[in-house]
């Protein structure tokens, strides 16, 4: 697949139209946050790609009614929605284990499984280009990803036991994945708390400044009311000690990252599982966003399944991530759906900056293929949301790939090269639009 060759001016108009649909309302509300977001996106083609899932899916629009390996089942599975090579990292699961896998489920939805794979494949082309890898090396990386994904899906579809397809943990991971897990293990809740809070009058409170916004009484009341609503969305096993949810302090924050520009958010300091001050917990309430892929999925059964975007984000994460964060829940604030989760000290993203050796890159890419397959397989008729996906995802995907084994890798390789080149060209067009004041509202 490739975007039709257009002049820079025409393609620029397309990009601006997509941005207006995806960002227009938030940009109008907080242009300063989007100036920061867009400057981060201007830094590299990969940063631009990360911030433009909206453009990616607009370009995939023609596949809405079909495509290779897609049928009534494989075109309707739970997908991550923004699967690129930097959306992997560590988390502490509900069982207390450190896991390396896919993270950041803000864009998750129900759609074609190949859309996740294509987005990841194009990101590999962009990373490979950044590291000055040749086209043949990039081809090899994408095939490595495709092969690892295909083998893991087949193993899961064939009923492989847990010890045959184990998760990436401190006992099973290798290389940079193990490094990320060890880094996460070395971190402590106390260090996180020390960076955000202080002890005043024998009680912990958020530190003033450093991005925190003091709330007026009315806003504080609304946030606490939303917090009460959040508690009702937690699974029973998360509520074994009610004192854990005693609120100590609340502050406001405003997102300025690539994915969260303009979205209001709040941090809440909680008692935690004991009276000890080092066991306090920080959770965040963040306005959930409309996932880019949802604009191109018209199935009313999918659209009607979710109460709001906060509900969608949480249900999607619980479906895609085994033993998800026990603090994960949703609520509403000012009529908008909110995502609620812990500000975890154990979250470490995969750092590509020092992964330069081609063999090491290939090993990591293979692991990302296995992790992606495990994620897709988790969200099916056994995930607790069979109304949307009432079948075995891994068996459906396995059967679809089996119908054309050779073409599967070719599909991803061709897409990686064509869309990687398109993203590099789009990045330059975007930079020129931005620096010349062509983006409305800025």
Protein backbone atom coordinates (compact mmCIF):
# COMPACT_ATOMS: atom_id res chain seq x y z
CA UNK A 1 0.00 0.00 0.00
CA UNK A 2 1.18 3.48 -0.70
CA UNK A 3 -0.43 6.86 -0.57
CA UNK A 4 -0.97 8.17 -4.14
CA UNK A 5 1.84 10.47 -5.20
CA UNK A 6 0.67 14.00 -4.55
CA UNK A 7 2.34 17.35 -4.66
CA UNK A 8 3.63 18.63 -1.32
CA UNK A 9 0.94 21.31 -1.40
CA UNK A 10 -1.90 18.83 -1.98
CA UNK A 11 -0.59 16.38 0.60
CA UNK A 12 -0.18 19.25 3.04
CA UNK A 13 -3.84 20.12 2.63
CA UNK A 14 -4.75 16.48 3.33
CA UNK A 15 -2.63 16.51 6.50
CA UNK A 16 -4.24 19.74 7.68
CA UNK A 17 -7.73 18.34 7.07
CA UNK A 18 -6.96 15.22 9.11
CA UNK A 19 -5.44 17.33 11.90
CA UNK A 20 -8.57 19.49 12.03
CA UNK A 21 -10.75 16.41 12.52
CA UNK A 22 -8.46 14.78 15.07
CA UNK A 23 -7.12 17.75 17.03
CA UNK A 24 -9.31 20.73 16.19
CA UNK A 25 -11.37 20.96 19.37
CA UNK A 26 -8.48 20.31 21.75
CA UNK A 27 -6.14 22.58 19.81
CA UNK A 28 -8.62 25.44 20.03
CA UNK A 29 -8.91 24.91 23.79
CA UNK A 30 -5.16 24.79 24.44
CA UNK A 31 -2.96 25.93 21.52
CA UNK A 32 0.10 26.24 23.78
CA UNK A 33 0.01 22.51 24.54
CA UNK A 34 -0.17 21.73 20.83
CA UNK A 35 2.77 23.97 20.06
CA UNK A 36 4.78 21.76 22.43
CA UNK A 37 3.30 18.59 20.92
CA UNK A 38 4.06 19.68 17.37
CA UNK A 39 7.62 20.72 18.22
CA UNK A 40 8.20 17.26 19.61
CA UNK A 41 6.73 15.76 16.45
CA UNK A 42 8.97 17.97 14.33
CA UNK A 43 12.10 16.44 15.88
CA UNK A 44 12.11 13.33 13.66
CA UNK A 45 10.04 11.34 11.20
CA UNK A 46 9.48 8.72 13.90
CA UNK A 47 8.21 11.32 16.39
CA UNK A 48 5.88 12.62 13.68
CA UNK A 49 4.65 9.07 12.99
CA UNK A 50 4.02 8.50 16.69
CA UNK A 51 1.82 11.56 16.87
CA UNK A 52 -0.20 10.94 13.71
CA UNK A 53 -2.15 7.72 14.09
CA UNK A 54 -5.02 9.82 12.75
CA UNK A 55 -3.21 10.29 9.42
CA UNK A 56 -2.18 6.63 9.28
CA UNK A 57 -5.76 5.41 9.50
CA UNK A 58 -7.03 8.03 7.10
CA UNK A 59 -4.54 6.57 4.61
CA UNK A 60 -5.78 3.03 5.36
CA UNK A 61 -9.39 4.04 4.79
CA UNK A 62 -9.63 2.05 1.56
CA UNK A 63 -9.21 -1.20 3.53
CA UNK A 64 -12.26 -0.52 5.64
CA UNK A 65 -14.27 -3.11 3.70
CA UNK A 66 -11.60 -5.71 3.30
CA UNK A 67 -7.97 -6.51 2.57
CA UNK A 68 -5.56 -9.44 2.60
CA UNK A 69 -6.04 -11.84 5.55
CA UNK A 70 -9.22 -10.09 6.66
CA UNK A 71 -12.62 -11.72 6.98
CA UNK A 72 -15.65 -11.34 9.23
CA UNK A 73 -13.52 -12.49 12.19
CA UNK A 74 -9.99 -11.25 11.63
CA UNK A 75 -11.39 -7.88 10.61
CA UNK A 76 -13.04 -7.56 14.02
CA UNK A 77 -10.56 -8.31 16.79
CA UNK A 78 -9.32 -6.20 19.66
CA UNK A 79 -6.36 -4.17 18.43
CA UNK A 80 -3.92 -1.85 20.14
CA UNK A 81 -4.57 0.94 17.65
CA UNK A 82 -1.18 2.66 17.95
CA UNK A 83 1.26 -0.21 17.77
CA UNK A 84 4.70 1.19 17.04
CA UNK A 85 8.13 0.08 18.20
CA UNK A 86 8.23 2.47 21.17
CA UNK A 87 4.87 1.43 22.63
CA UNK A 88 6.39 -1.49 24.51
CA UNK A 89 7.63 -1.50 28.07
CA UNK A 90 7.27 -2.84 31.58
CA UNK A 91 4.42 -2.91 34.05
CA UNK A 92 3.62 -4.55 37.37
CA UNK A 93 0.67 -6.87 36.86
CA UNK A 94 -2.12 -7.62 39.33
CA UNK A 95 -0.16 -10.62 40.60
CA UNK A 96 2.91 -8.56 41.51
CA UNK A 97 5.00 -9.75 38.55
CA UNK A 98 7.03 -7.40 36.40
CA UNK A 99 6.01 -7.98 32.78
CA UNK A 100 7.42 -6.64 29.51
CA UNK A 101 4.77 -6.25 26.85
CA UNK A 102 2.74 -3.76 24.87
CA UNK A 103 1.72 -0.64 26.79
CA UNK A 104 -0.31 2.57 26.31
CA UNK A 105 -3.81 1.48 25.29
CA UNK A 106 -5.30 4.94 24.70
CA UNK A 107 -5.98 4.13 21.02
CA UNK A 108 -7.26 0.55 21.48
CA UNK A 109 -10.40 -0.49 19.62
CA UNK A 110 -11.93 -3.36 17.67
CA UNK A 111 -10.77 -3.66 14.06
CA UNK A 112 -8.57 -5.55 11.56
CA UNK A 113 -5.58 -7.30 13.14
CA UNK A 114 -3.40 -6.39 10.15
CA UNK A 115 -3.72 -2.70 10.99
CA UNK A 116 -1.69 -3.24 14.16
CA UNK A 117 0.92 -5.22 12.24
CA UNK A 118 1.22 -2.65 9.47
CA UNK A 119 1.62 0.21 11.94
CA UNK A 120 4.37 -1.68 13.72
CA UNK A 121 6.08 -2.68 10.46
CA UNK A 122 6.20 0.91 9.20
CA UNK A 123 7.67 2.01 12.54
CA UNK A 124 10.44 -0.56 12.11
CA UNK A 125 11.24 0.95 8.71
CA UNK A 126 11.48 4.39 10.31
CA UNK A 127 13.72 3.18 13.14
CA UNK A 128 15.87 1.28 10.67
CA UNK A 129 16.25 4.40 8.54
CA UNK A 130 17.20 6.44 11.63
CA UNK A 131 19.91 3.89 12.41
CA UNK A 132 21.15 3.97 8.79
CA UNK A 133 20.15 0.39 8.03
CA UNK A 134 19.92 -0.55 4.38
CA UNK A 135 16.66 -1.47 2.70
CA UNK A 136 17.59 -5.16 2.72
CA UNK A 137 18.29 -4.99 6.45
CA UNK A 138 14.94 -3.33 7.04
CA UNK A 139 13.28 -6.02 4.94
CA UNK A 140 14.96 -8.65 7.10
CA UNK A 141 13.75 -6.96 10.30
CA UNK A 142 10.15 -6.83 9.12
CA UNK A 143 10.29 -10.48 8.06
CA UNK A 144 11.73 -11.36 11.46
CA UNK A 145 8.78 -9.61 13.11
CA UNK A 146 6.28 -11.34 10.79
CA UNK A 147 7.81 -14.77 11.36
CA UNK A 148 7.88 -14.40 15.15
CA UNK A 149 4.29 -13.18 15.18
CA UNK A 150 3.13 -15.97 12.92
CA UNK A 151 4.92 -18.69 14.94
CA UNK A 152 3.55 -17.45 18.26
CA UNK A 153 -0.01 -17.15 16.91
CA UNK A 154 0.22 -20.69 15.56
CA UNK A 155 1.54 -22.01 18.87
CA UNK A 156 -1.26 -20.33 20.79
CA UNK A 157 -3.89 -21.52 18.30
CA UNK A 158 -2.52 -25.06 18.69
CA UNK A 159 -3.06 -24.95 22.45
CA UNK A 160 0.51 -24.34 23.61
CA UNK A 161 0.89 -24.51 27.38
CA UNK A 162 1.91 -21.50 29.43
CA UNK A 163 5.48 -22.78 29.88
CA UNK A 164 5.84 -23.09 26.09
CA UNK A 165 4.83 -19.46 25.44
CA UNK A 166 5.76 -17.70 28.68
CA UNK A 167 5.38 -13.94 29.17
CA UNK A 168 8.50 -11.78 29.21
CA UNK A 169 9.53 -11.63 32.86
CA UNK A 170 12.77 -11.34 34.83
CA UNK A 171 13.12 -15.12 34.43
CA UNK A 172 12.45 -15.39 30.70
CA UNK A 173 13.42 -12.10 28.99
CA UNK A 174 16.81 -11.44 27.43
CA UNK A 175 18.77 -8.48 26.05
CA UNK A 176 17.21 -5.00 26.17
CA UNK A 177 13.89 -6.44 27.37
CA UNK A 178 15.61 -7.91 30.42
CA UNK A 179 17.45 -4.62 30.87
CA UNK A 180 14.15 -2.74 30.98
CA UNK A 181 12.73 -5.20 33.51
CA UNK A 182 15.79 -4.89 35.72
CA UNK A 183 15.58 -1.12 35.51
CA UNK A 184 11.93 -1.31 36.56
CA UNK A 185 12.78 -3.62 39.45
CA UNK A 186 15.41 -1.19 40.72
CA UNK A 187 12.83 1.56 40.97
CA UNK A 188 10.84 2.12 44.15
CA UNK A 189 7.54 3.62 45.11
CA UNK A 190 9.37 5.76 47.66
CA UNK A 191 11.51 7.37 44.95
CA UNK A 192 8.41 8.14 42.87
CA UNK A 193 6.65 9.64 45.87
CA UNK A 194 9.73 11.65 46.78
CA UNK A 195 9.75 13.21 43.30
CA UNK A 196 6.10 14.29 43.49
CA UNK A 197 5.26 14.81 47.15
CA UNK A 198 6.54 15.96 50.54
CA UNK A 199 5.71 15.36 54.19
CA UNK A 200 3.87 18.23 55.87
CA UNK A 201 2.50 17.95 59.42
CA UNK A 202 3.13 14.21 59.49
CA UNK A 203 1.12 13.61 56.33
CA UNK A 204 2.11 13.30 52.69
CA UNK A 205 0.98 16.01 50.27
CA UNK A 206 1.75 16.89 46.66
CA UNK A 207 4.65 19.28 46.19
CA UNK A 208 3.61 22.70 44.98
CA UNK A 209 4.74 23.75 41.50
CA UNK A 210 6.56 21.41 39.10
CA UNK A 211 3.56 21.17 36.80
CA UNK A 212 0.97 20.80 39.56
CA UNK A 213 -2.06 23.10 39.47
CA UNK A 214 -3.86 23.94 42.71
CA UNK A 215 -7.59 23.36 42.39
CA UNK A 216 -10.35 25.67 43.53
CA UNK A 217 -13.00 24.23 45.83
CA UNK A 218 -15.58 23.63 43.11
CA UNK A 219 -13.14 21.75 40.85
CA UNK A 220 -11.83 19.72 43.76
CA UNK A 221 -15.39 18.70 44.63
CA UNK A 222 -16.05 17.60 41.03
CA UNK A 223 -12.83 15.57 40.91
CA UNK A 224 -13.62 13.82 44.19
CA UNK A 225 -17.14 13.05 42.97
CA UNK A 226 -15.59 11.54 39.82
CA UNK A 227 -13.25 9.55 42.05
CA UNK A 228 -16.24 8.06 43.88
CA UNK A 229 -17.65 7.01 40.52
CA UNK A 230 -14.31 5.41 39.62
CA UNK A 231 -14.40 3.18 42.71
CA UNK A 232 -17.57 1.57 41.39
CA UNK A 233 -15.73 0.39 38.26
CA UNK A 234 -12.99 -1.54 40.08
CA UNK A 235 -13.09 -5.33 40.34
CA UNK A 236 -13.99 -6.68 43.78
CA UNK A 237 -10.48 -8.02 44.37
CA UNK A 238 -9.12 -4.48 44.19
CA UNK A 239 -11.32 -3.32 47.06
CA UNK A 240 -10.17 -5.67 49.81
CA UNK A 241 -8.92 -2.80 52.00
CA UNK A 242 -11.25 0.21 51.76
CA UNK A 243 -8.77 2.46 53.61
CA UNK A 244 -6.46 2.11 50.59
CA UNK A 245 -8.68 4.60 48.79
CA UNK A 246 -8.63 7.36 51.40
CA UNK A 247 -7.80 10.58 49.53
CA UNK A 248 -4.94 12.65 50.96
CA UNK A 249 -4.49 15.29 48.26
CA UNK A 250 -5.60 16.29 44.75
CA UNK A 251 -3.89 18.48 42.15
CA UNK A 252 -4.50 19.32 38.53
CA UNK A 253 -2.13 18.71 35.63
CA UNK A 254 -2.28 19.38 31.91
CA UNK A 255 -0.95 16.95 29.35
CA UNK A 256 1.66 18.27 26.93
CA UNK A 257 3.09 15.01 25.61
CA UNK A 258 2.86 13.81 22.02
CA UNK A 259 -0.28 11.82 22.79
CA UNK A 260 -1.92 13.86 25.53
CA UNK A 261 -1.66 17.49 24.44
CA UNK A 262 -4.52 19.60 25.71
CA UNK A 263 -6.15 16.84 27.75
CA UNK A 264 -6.93 17.92 31.32
CA UNK A 265 -5.80 15.50 34.01
CA UNK A 266 -5.59 15.24 37.78
CA UNK A 267 -3.36 13.41 40.24
CA UNK A 268 -4.85 11.97 43.44
CA UNK A 269 -2.76 10.83 46.40
CA UNK A 270 -4.17 7.79 48.22
CA UNK A 271 -3.43 5.98 51.47
CA UNK A 272 -2.35 2.73 49.82
CA UNK A 273 -2.36 -0.70 51.40
CA UNK A 274 -1.02 0.38 54.81
CA UNK A 275 -0.64 3.41 57.07
CA UNK A 276 3.07 3.65 56.23
CA UNK A 277 3.78 6.81 54.24
CA UNK A 278 6.06 4.98 51.81
CA UNK A 279 3.09 2.87 50.65
CA UNK A 280 1.00 5.82 49.47
CA UNK A 281 -0.26 5.55 45.88
CA UNK A 282 -0.66 8.19 43.19
CA UNK A 283 -3.36 7.68 40.59
CA UNK A 284 -4.25 9.91 37.67
CA UNK A 285 -7.59 10.84 36.14
CA UNK A 286 -7.16 11.80 32.49
CA UNK A 287 -9.74 12.69 29.90
CA UNK A 288 -9.78 9.83 27.42
CA UNK A 289 -9.51 10.64 23.74
CA UNK A 290 -11.36 9.39 20.69
CA UNK A 291 -9.19 6.65 19.14
CA UNK A 292 -8.05 7.44 15.62
CA UNK A 293 -9.04 4.03 14.30
CA UNK A 294 -12.66 4.46 15.48
CA UNK A 295 -13.27 7.08 12.79
CA UNK A 296 -12.80 4.34 10.20
CA UNK A 297 -14.74 1.50 11.86
CA UNK A 298 -18.46 1.93 11.25
CA UNK A 299 -19.79 -1.20 12.99
CA UNK A 300 -22.62 0.06 15.24
CA UNK A 301 -22.20 -2.92 17.59
CA UNK A 302 -18.67 -1.74 18.38
CA UNK A 303 -19.59 1.92 18.71
CA UNK A 304 -22.55 1.12 20.95
CA UNK A 305 -20.63 -1.18 23.29
CA UNK A 306 -18.81 1.57 25.19
CA UNK A 307 -20.32 4.11 27.58
CA UNK A 308 -17.63 6.66 26.72
CA UNK A 309 -13.95 6.82 25.79
CA UNK A 310 -12.76 6.20 29.35
CA UNK A 311 -14.83 3.03 29.50
CA UNK A 312 -13.51 1.99 26.07
CA UNK A 313 -9.88 2.50 27.07
CA UNK A 314 -10.19 0.46 30.26
CA UNK A 315 -12.23 -2.38 28.76
CA UNK A 316 -9.78 -2.57 25.86
CA UNK A 317 -6.74 -2.66 28.15
CA UNK A 318 -8.31 -5.32 30.36
CA UNK A 319 -9.01 -7.36 27.24
CA UNK A 320 -5.56 -6.96 25.68
CA UNK A 321 -3.39 -7.09 28.79
CA UNK A 322 -3.42 -10.16 31.02
CA UNK A 323 -3.68 -9.31 34.75
CA UNK A 324 -3.91 -5.56 34.16
CA UNK A 325 -3.22 -2.81 36.70
CA UNK A 326 -5.54 -3.38 39.70
CA UNK A 327 -6.01 0.41 39.98
CA UNK A 328 -7.32 0.63 36.40
CA UNK A 329 -10.84 2.04 36.09
CA UNK A 330 -12.97 4.74 34.51
CA UNK A 331 -15.27 7.59 35.48
CA UNK A 332 -16.90 10.75 34.11
CA UNK A 333 -16.03 14.39 34.73
CA UNK A 334 -17.87 17.34 33.17
CA UNK A 335 -19.65 14.89 30.89
CA UNK A 336 -16.41 13.46 29.44
CA UNK A 337 -15.14 9.91 29.89
CA UNK A 338 -12.02 9.61 32.03
CA UNK A 339 -9.29 6.98 32.31
CA UNK A 340 -8.03 6.27 35.84
CA UNK A 341 -4.82 4.33 36.57
CA UNK A 342 -1.80 4.32 38.85
CA UNK A 343 1.20 6.53 38.26
CA UNK A 344 3.42 3.49 38.48
CA UNK A 345 7.07 3.54 39.56
CA UNK A 346 7.58 0.32 37.59
CA UNK A 347 6.80 1.61 34.10
CA UNK A 348 9.92 1.63 31.89
CA UNK A 349 9.63 2.06 28.13
CA UNK A 350 11.83 0.17 25.70
CA UNK A 351 14.74 2.50 24.93
CA UNK A 352 15.93 2.20 21.34
CA UNK A 353 18.71 4.77 21.67
CA UNK A 354 21.40 2.21 22.54
CA UNK A 355 20.06 -0.69 20.46
CA UNK A 356 22.30 -0.35 17.42
CA UNK A 357 23.79 -3.75 16.62
CA UNK A 358 21.76 -5.34 13.77
CA UNK A 359 21.67 -8.73 15.46
CA UNK A 360 20.46 -7.22 18.71
CA UNK A 361 17.84 -5.17 16.88
CA UNK A 362 16.62 -8.34 15.15
CA UNK A 363 16.36 -10.20 18.48
CA UNK A 364 14.32 -7.39 19.98
CA UNK A 365 12.07 -7.21 16.92
CA UNK A 366 11.39 -10.95 17.17
CA UNK A 367 10.35 -10.50 20.78
CA UNK A 368 8.04 -7.67 19.80
CA UNK A 369 6.41 -10.00 17.28
CA UNK A 370 5.82 -12.59 20.02
CA UNK A 371 4.48 -9.95 22.39
CA UNK A 372 2.08 -8.65 19.74
CA UNK A 373 0.75 -12.13 19.03
CA UNK A 374 0.25 -12.77 22.74
CA UNK A 375 -1.66 -9.50 23.06
CA UNK A 376 -3.96 -10.30 20.13
CA UNK A 377 -4.61 -13.79 21.47
CA UNK A 378 -5.50 -12.53 24.94
CA UNK A 379 -8.51 -10.52 23.75
CA UNK A 380 -11.07 -13.02 22.56
CA UNK A 381 -13.99 -15.16 23.71
CA UNK A 382 -12.12 -15.98 26.93
CA UNK A 383 -11.35 -12.37 27.88
CA UNK A 384 -14.74 -11.62 29.45
CA UNK A 385 -16.02 -9.50 26.54
CA UNK A 386 -17.33 -12.16 24.20
CA UNK A 387 -20.17 -9.92 23.00
CA UNK A 388 -17.68 -8.10 20.79
CA UNK A 389 -15.26 -10.91 19.95
CA UNK A 390 -17.19 -14.19 20.38
CA UNK A 391 -14.48 -16.47 18.95
CA UNK A 392 -10.86 -17.50 19.43
CA UNK A 393 -8.77 -14.67 17.98
CA UNK A 394 -5.61 -16.74 17.64
CA UNK A 395 -7.40 -19.52 15.74
CA UNK A 396 -9.06 -17.08 13.37
CA UNK A 397 -5.77 -15.26 12.66
CA UNK A 398 -3.87 -18.56 12.36
CA UNK A 399 -6.32 -19.87 9.76
CA UNK A 400 -6.22 -16.61 7.78
CA UNK A 401 -2.42 -16.59 7.59
CA UNK A 402 -2.29 -20.30 6.78
CA UNK A 403 -4.23 -19.61 3.59
CA UNK A 404 -1.23 -17.66 2.24
CA UNK A 405 1.87 -18.16 4.37
CA UNK A 406 4.34 -16.68 1.90
CA UNK A 407 2.31 -13.57 1.21
CA UNK A 408 2.06 -12.62 4.89
CA UNK A 409 5.65 -11.46 5.21
CA UNK A 410 5.55 -9.85 1.76
CA UNK A 411 2.50 -7.80 2.75
CA UNK A 412 4.24 -6.33 5.79
CA UNK A 413 7.56 -5.76 4.01
CA UNK A 414 5.95 -3.90 1.12
CA UNK A 415 3.89 -1.78 3.48
CA UNK A 416 6.85 -1.00 5.75
CA UNK A 417 8.93 0.37 2.89
CA UNK A 418 6.16 2.29 1.16
CA UNK A 419 4.60 3.83 4.24
CA UNK A 420 7.95 4.46 5.91
CA UNK A 421 8.94 6.54 2.88
CA UNK A 422 5.57 8.28 2.96
CA UNK A 423 5.96 9.15 6.65
CA UNK A 424 9.41 10.64 6.04
CA UNK A 425 8.00 12.79 3.24
CA UNK A 426 4.98 13.76 5.36
CA UNK A 427 7.27 14.76 8.22
CA UNK A 428 9.06 17.27 6.03
CA UNK A 429 5.74 18.65 4.76
CA UNK A 430 4.51 18.95 8.35
CA UNK A 431 7.65 20.76 9.48
CA UNK A 432 7.24 23.30 6.67
CA UNK A 433 3.57 23.79 7.49
CA UNK A 434 4.34 24.29 11.17
CA UNK A 435 7.33 26.60 10.87
CA UNK A 436 5.58 28.75 8.28
CA UNK A 437 2.47 29.24 10.41
CA UNK A 438 0.18 27.17 8.16
CA UNK A 439 -1.51 25.15 10.93
CA UNK A 440 -4.77 26.92 11.86
CA UNK A 441 -5.11 27.90 15.50
CA UNK A 442 -1.41 28.14 16.25
